[in-house]
Structure formats: C-alpha cells, structure tokens
Amino acid sequence: MATATSELMTAGAIAKALAVPDAKVKKAIQDLGIKPTAKKGVCNYYAKDTMTRVKASLK
C-alpha cells in the first residue's frame, strides 16, 4: 500500500506544497466536487493532478 499512496497527496500536503491554509484547499476540493482517489481510514488521498486544479481555483 505504501507504493500506491506514495504518488497520492492529502489535502494538507497539497496546502503545504501551495503554501496556502488547509481550509482553503479543503474548501476548493469540496467546491470543485473532487472525489478522493483513495481512502485509508479517515484520510483522503488525491492524485497529483488535483493540485493543479486546486491551484487554478485559488487564483
């Protein structure tokens, strides 16, 4: 499972990469209707292309 999730990012990791607050990223994901690529427990993991969609919506 480690290799499967190593290519995926949580909302917190996306926020850290974009240098924006977690709440803004989570709201953007919800507004865009993006579904998680994978779930592990309560954590949602998103594909790397999600970061570009979120970044575009934050502008």
PDB file of N, CA and C in Angstrom:
ATOM      1  N   MET A   1       0.826  -1.191   0.000  1.00  0.00           N
ATOM      2  CA  MET A   1       0.000   0.000   0.000  1.00  0.00           C
ATOM      3  C   MET A   1       0.866   1.249   0.000  1.00  0.00           C
ATOM      4  N   ALA A   2       2.069   1.185   0.518  1.00  0.00           N
ATOM      5  CA  ALA A   2       2.938   2.357   0.592  1.00  0.00           C
ATOM      6  C   ALA A   2       3.259   2.890  -0.802  1.00  0.00           C
ATOM      7  N   THR A   3       3.488   2.013  -1.752  1.00  0.00           N
ATOM      8  CA  THR A   3       3.790   2.479  -3.103  1.00  0.00           C
ATOM      9  C   THR A   3       2.552   3.074  -3.762  1.00  0.00           C
ATOM     10  N   ALA A   4       1.394   2.577  -3.447  1.00  0.00           N
ATOM     11  CA  ALA A   4       0.173   3.110  -4.046  1.00  0.00           C
ATOM     12  C   ALA A   4      -0.112   4.525  -3.551  1.00  0.00           C
ATOM     13  N   THR A   5       0.125   4.791  -2.263  1.00  0.00           N
ATOM     14  CA  THR A   5      -0.164   6.115  -1.720  1.00  0.00           C
ATOM     15  C   THR A   5       1.018   7.067  -1.814  1.00  0.00           C
ATOM     16  N   SER A   6       2.187   6.594  -2.234  1.00  0.00           N
ATOM     17  CA  SER A   6       3.336   7.499  -2.324  1.00  0.00           C
ATOM     18  C   SER A   6       3.152   8.505  -3.452  1.00  0.00           C
ATOM     19  N   GLU A   7       2.336   8.182  -4.458  1.00  0.00           N
ATOM     20  CA  GLU A   7       2.069   9.095  -5.561  1.00  0.00           C
ATOM     21  C   GLU A   7       0.866   9.993  -5.257  1.00  0.00           C
ATOM     22  N   LEU A   8       0.171   9.737  -4.166  1.00  0.00           N
ATOM     23  CA  LEU A   8      -1.017  10.489  -3.812  1.00  0.00           C
ATOM     24  C   LEU A   8      -0.714  11.491  -2.708  1.00  0.00           C
ATOM     25  N   MET A   9      -1.564  12.513  -2.600  1.00  0.00           N
ATOM     26  CA  MET A   9      -1.348  13.565  -1.610  1.00  0.00           C
ATOM     27  C   MET A   9      -2.634  13.804  -0.826  1.00  0.00           C
ATOM     28  N   THR A  10      -2.474  14.147   0.452  1.00  0.00           N
ATOM     29  CA  THR A  10      -3.623  14.557   1.252  1.00  0.00           C
ATOM     30  C   THR A  10      -3.881  16.044   1.008  1.00  0.00           C
ATOM     31  N   ALA A  11      -5.005  16.526   1.485  1.00  0.00           N
ATOM     32  CA  ALA A  11      -5.319  17.951   1.348  1.00  0.00           C
ATOM     33  C   ALA A  11      -4.269  18.788   2.082  1.00  0.00           C
ATOM     34  N   GLY A  12      -3.788  18.302   3.205  1.00  0.00           N
ATOM     35  CA  GLY A  12      -2.754  19.009   3.954  1.00  0.00           C
ATOM     36  C   GLY A  12      -1.447  19.100   3.183  1.00  0.00           C
ATOM     37  N   ALA A  13      -1.081  18.036   2.499  1.00  0.00           N
ATOM     38  CA  ALA A  13       0.142  18.046   1.700  1.00  0.00           C
ATOM     39  C   ALA A  13       0.014  18.987   0.507  1.00  0.00           C
ATOM     40  N   ILE A  14      -1.171  19.033  -0.089  1.00  0.00           N
ATOM     41  CA  ILE A  14      -1.411  19.965  -1.195  1.00  0.00           C
ATOM     42  C   ILE A  14      -1.300  21.396  -0.690  1.00  0.00           C
ATOM     43  N   ALA A  15      -1.893  21.662   0.470  1.00  0.00           N
ATOM     44  CA  ALA A  15      -1.836  23.004   1.050  1.00  0.00           C
ATOM     45  C   ALA A  15      -0.398  23.416   1.347  1.00  0.00           C
ATOM     46  N   LYS A  16       0.384  22.494   1.863  1.00  0.00           N
ATOM     47  CA  LYS A  16       1.779  22.785   2.176  1.00  0.00           C
ATOM     48  C   LYS A  16       2.570  23.067   0.894  1.00  0.00           C
ATOM     49  N   ALA A  17       2.317  22.302  -0.158  1.00  0.00           N
ATOM     50  CA  ALA A  17       3.018  22.493  -1.425  1.00  0.00           C
ATOM     51  C   ALA A  17       2.657  23.822  -2.077  1.00  0.00           C
ATOM     52  N   LEU A  18       1.413  24.257  -1.902  1.00  0.00           N
ATOM     53  CA  LEU A  18       0.964  25.515  -2.498  1.00  0.00           C
ATOM     54  C   LEU A  18       1.149  26.707  -1.563  1.00  0.00           C
ATOM     55  N   ALA A  19       1.557  26.457  -0.333  1.00  0.00           N
ATOM     56  CA  ALA A  19       1.773  27.488   0.692  1.00  0.00           C
ATOM     57  C   ALA A  19       0.494  28.288   0.954  1.00  0.00           C
ATOM     58  N   VAL A  20      -0.610  27.556   1.125  1.00  0.00           N
ATOM     59  CA  VAL A  20      -1.895  28.163   1.473  1.00  0.00           C
ATOM     60  C   VAL A  20      -2.478  27.403   2.668  1.00  0.00           C
ATOM     61  N   PRO A  21      -3.433  28.003   3.370  1.00  0.00           N
ATOM     62  CA  PRO A  21      -4.037  27.313   4.511  1.00  0.00           C
ATOM     63  C   PRO A  21      -4.801  26.047   4.098  1.00  0.00           C
ATOM     64  N   ASP A  22      -4.815  25.069   4.991  1.00  0.00           N
ATOM     65  CA  ASP A  22      -5.521  23.807   4.750  1.00  0.00           C
ATOM     66  C   ASP A  22      -6.997  24.042   4.434  1.00  0.00           C
ATOM     67  N   ALA A  23      -7.614  24.972   5.157  1.00  0.00           N
ATOM     68  CA  ALA A  23      -9.047  25.225   4.988  1.00  0.00           C
ATOM     69  C   ALA A  23      -9.373  25.676   3.566  1.00  0.00           C
ATOM     70  N   LYS A  24      -8.513  26.485   2.971  1.00  0.00           N
ATOM     71  CA  LYS A  24      -8.751  26.941   1.597  1.00  0.00           C
ATOM     72  C   LYS A  24      -8.693  25.781   0.616  1.00  0.00           C
ATOM     73  N   VAL A  25      -7.743  24.879   0.818  1.00  0.00           N
ATOM     74  CA  VAL A  25      -7.609  23.717  -0.060  1.00  0.00           C
ATOM     75  C   VAL A  25      -8.811  22.797   0.102  1.00  0.00           C
ATOM     76  N   LYS A  26      -9.208  22.532   1.325  1.00  0.00           N
ATOM     77  CA  LYS A  26     -10.355  21.659   1.570  1.00  0.00           C
ATOM     78  C   LYS A  26     -11.626  22.245   0.982  1.00  0.00           C
ATOM     79  N   LYS A  27     -11.806  23.569   1.090  1.00  0.00           N
ATOM     80  CA  LYS A  27     -12.977  24.227   0.516  1.00  0.00           C
ATOM     81  C   LYS A  27     -12.940  24.148  -1.006  1.00  0.00           C
ATOM     82  N   ALA A  28     -11.766  24.358  -1.600  1.00  0.00           N
ATOM     83  CA  ALA A  28     -11.635  24.277  -3.059  1.00  0.00           C
ATOM     84  C   ALA A  28     -11.955  22.867  -3.554  1.00  0.00           C
ATOM     85  N   ILE A  29     -11.467  21.861  -2.842  1.00  0.00           N
ATOM     86  CA  ILE A  29     -11.741  20.467  -3.217  1.00  0.00           C
ATOM     87  C   ILE A  29     -13.239  20.196  -3.149  1.00  0.00           C
ATOM     88  N   GLN A  30     -13.881  20.693  -2.107  1.00  0.00           N
ATOM     89  CA  GLN A  30     -15.317  20.493  -1.956  1.00  0.00           C
ATOM     90  C   GLN A  30     -16.085  21.252  -3.040  1.00  0.00           C
ATOM     91  N   ASP A  31     -15.711  22.506  -3.309  1.00  0.00           N
ATOM     92  CA  ASP A  31     -16.394  23.314  -4.327  1.00  0.00           C
ATOM     93  C   ASP A  31     -16.249  22.716  -5.724  1.00  0.00           C
ATOM     94  N   LEU A  32     -15.072  22.147  -6.008  1.00  0.00           N
ATOM     95  CA  LEU A  32     -14.830  21.541  -7.313  1.00  0.00           C
ATOM     96  C   LEU A  32     -15.459  20.152  -7.440  1.00  0.00           C
ATOM     97  N   GLY A  33     -15.897  19.599  -6.317  1.00  0.00           N
ATOM     98  CA  GLY A  33     -16.524  18.276  -6.333  1.00  0.00           C
ATOM     99  C   GLY A  33     -15.538  17.154  -6.616  1.00  0.00           C
ATOM    100  N   ILE A  34     -14.301  17.324  -6.191  1.00  0.00           N
ATOM    101  CA  ILE A  34     -13.266  16.324  -6.433  1.00  0.00           C
ATOM    102  C   ILE A  34     -13.429  15.180  -5.430  1.00  0.00           C
ATOM    103  N   LYS A  35     -13.484  13.988  -5.940  1.00  0.00           N
ATOM    104  CA  LYS A  35     -13.583  12.792  -5.099  1.00  0.00           C
ATOM    105  C   LYS A  35     -12.169  12.262  -4.841  1.00  0.00           C
ATOM    106  N   PRO A  36     -11.920  11.727  -3.652  1.00  0.00           N
ATOM    107  CA  PRO A  36     -10.598  11.180  -3.362  1.00  0.00           C
ATOM    108  C   PRO A  36     -10.281   9.977  -4.236  1.00  0.00           C
ATOM    109  N   THR A  37      -9.018   9.873  -4.604  1.00  0.00           N
ATOM    110  CA  THR A  37      -8.562   8.735  -5.398  1.00  0.00           C
ATOM    111  C   THR A  37      -8.504   7.484  -4.528  1.00  0.00           C
ATOM    112  N   ALA A  38      -8.111   7.675  -3.275  1.00  0.00           N
ATOM    113  CA  ALA A  38      -8.025   6.554  -2.333  1.00  0.00           C
ATOM    114  C   ALA A  38      -8.367   7.046  -0.937  1.00  0.00           C
ATOM    115  N   LYS A  39      -8.789   6.108  -0.102  1.00  0.00           N
ATOM    116  CA  LYS A  39      -9.064   6.407   1.302  1.00  0.00           C
ATOM    117  C   LYS A  39      -8.328   5.383   2.154  1.00  0.00           C
ATOM    118  N   LYS A  40      -7.764   5.871   3.238  1.00  0.00           N
ATOM    119  CA  LYS A  40      -7.130   4.976   4.203  1.00  0.00           C
ATOM    120  C   LYS A  40      -7.567   5.467   5.569  1.00  0.00           C
ATOM    121  N   GLY A  41      -8.477   4.768   6.180  1.00  0.00           N
ATOM    122  CA  GLY A  41      -9.052   5.224   7.429  1.00  0.00           C
ATOM    123  C   GLY A  41      -9.893   6.459   7.165  1.00  0.00           C
ATOM    124  N   VAL A  42      -9.604   7.539   7.883  1.00  0.00           N
ATOM    125  CA  VAL A  42     -10.336   8.784   7.676  1.00  0.00           C
ATOM    126  C   VAL A  42      -9.616   9.719   6.712  1.00  0.00           C
ATOM    127  N   CYS A  43      -8.437   9.335   6.252  1.00  0.00           N
ATOM    128  CA  CYS A  43      -7.639  10.187   5.359  1.00  0.00           C
ATOM    129  C   CYS A  43      -8.066   9.996   3.907  1.00  0.00           C
ATOM    130  N   ASN A  44      -8.205  11.106   3.206  1.00  0.00           N
ATOM    131  CA  ASN A  44      -8.485  11.083   1.780  1.00  0.00           C
ATOM    132  C   ASN A  44      -7.205  11.404   1.029  1.00  0.00           C
ATOM    133  N   TYR A  45      -6.924  10.637  -0.003  1.00  0.00           N
ATOM    134  CA  TYR A  45      -5.737  10.852  -0.823  1.00  0.00           C
ATOM    135  C   TYR A  45      -6.166  11.237  -2.236  1.00  0.00           C
ATOM    136  N   TYR A  46      -5.504  12.245  -2.763  1.00  0.00           N
ATOM    137  CA  TYR A  46      -5.842  12.770  -4.078  1.00  0.00           C
ATOM    138  C   TYR A  46      -4.659  12.609  -5.029  1.00  0.00           C
ATOM    139  N   ALA A  47      -4.969  12.469  -6.321  1.00  0.00           N
ATOM    140  CA  ALA A  47      -3.931  12.348  -7.344  1.00  0.00           C
ATOM    141  C   ALA A  47      -3.211  13.691  -7.499  1.00  0.00           C
ATOM    142  N   LYS A  48      -2.020  13.652  -8.066  1.00  0.00           N
ATOM    143  CA  LYS A  48      -1.217  14.866  -8.219  1.00  0.00           C
ATOM    144  C   LYS A  48      -1.892  15.903  -9.107  1.00  0.00           C
ATOM    145  N   ASP A  49      -2.707  15.474 -10.075  1.00  0.00           N
ATOM    146  CA  ASP A  49      -3.382  16.448 -10.935  1.00  0.00           C
ATOM    147  C   ASP A  49      -4.415  17.271 -10.174  1.00  0.00           C
ATOM    148  N   THR A  50      -4.834  16.799  -9.002  1.00  0.00           N
ATOM    149  CA  THR A  50      -5.736  17.563  -8.161  1.00  0.00           C
ATOM    150  C   THR A  50      -5.099  18.872  -7.729  1.00  0.00           C
ATOM    151  N   MET A  51      -3.788  18.831  -7.489  1.00  0.00           N
ATOM    152  CA  MET A  51      -3.081  20.028  -7.046  1.00  0.00           C
ATOM    153  C   MET A  51      -3.176  21.138  -8.095  1.00  0.00           C
ATOM    154  N   THR A  52      -3.077  20.802  -9.364  1.00  0.00           N
ATOM    155  CA  THR A  52      -3.169  21.826 -10.402  1.00  0.00           C
ATOM    156  C   THR A  52      -4.574  22.405 -10.489  1.00  0.00           C
ATOM    157  N   ARG A  53      -5.584  21.563 -10.310  1.00  0.00           N
ATOM    158  CA  ARG A  53      -6.975  22.049 -10.335  1.00  0.00           C
ATOM    159  C   ARG A  53      -7.243  22.969  -9.155  1.00  0.00           C
ATOM    160  N   VAL A  54      -6.748  22.600  -7.971  1.00  0.00           N
ATOM    161  CA  VAL A  54      -6.936  23.413  -6.779  1.00  0.00           C
ATOM    162  C   VAL A  54      -6.186  24.739  -6.933  1.00  0.00           C
ATOM    163  N   LYS A  55      -4.968  24.684  -7.433  1.00  0.00           N
ATOM    164  CA  LYS A  55      -4.162  25.890  -7.623  1.00  0.00           C
ATOM    165  C   LYS A  55      -4.866  26.863  -8.569  1.00  0.00           C
ATOM    166  N   ALA A  56      -5.449  26.356  -9.641  1.00  0.00           N
ATOM    167  CA  ALA A  56      -6.166  27.206 -10.592  1.00  0.00           C
ATOM    168  C   ALA A  56      -7.407  27.833  -9.960  1.00  0.00           C
ATOM    169  N   SER A  57      -8.081  27.099  -9.088  1.00  0.00           N
ATOM    170  CA  SER A  57      -9.292  27.625  -8.479  1.00  0.00           C
ATOM    171  C   SER A  57      -9.003  28.657  -7.384  1.00  0.00           C
ATOM    172  N   LEU A  58      -7.801  28.631  -6.829  1.00  0.00           N
ATOM    173  CA  LEU A  58      -7.435  29.581  -5.782  1.00  0.00           C
ATOM    174  C   LEU A  58      -7.036  30.951  -6.320  1.00  0.00           C
ATOM    175  N   LYS A  59      -6.811  31.042  -7.624  1.00  0.00           N
ATOM    176  CA  LYS A  59      -6.409  32.327  -8.203  1.00  0.00           C
ATOM    177  C   LYS A  59      -7.549  33.288  -8.293  1.00  0.00           C
TER     178      LYS A  59
END
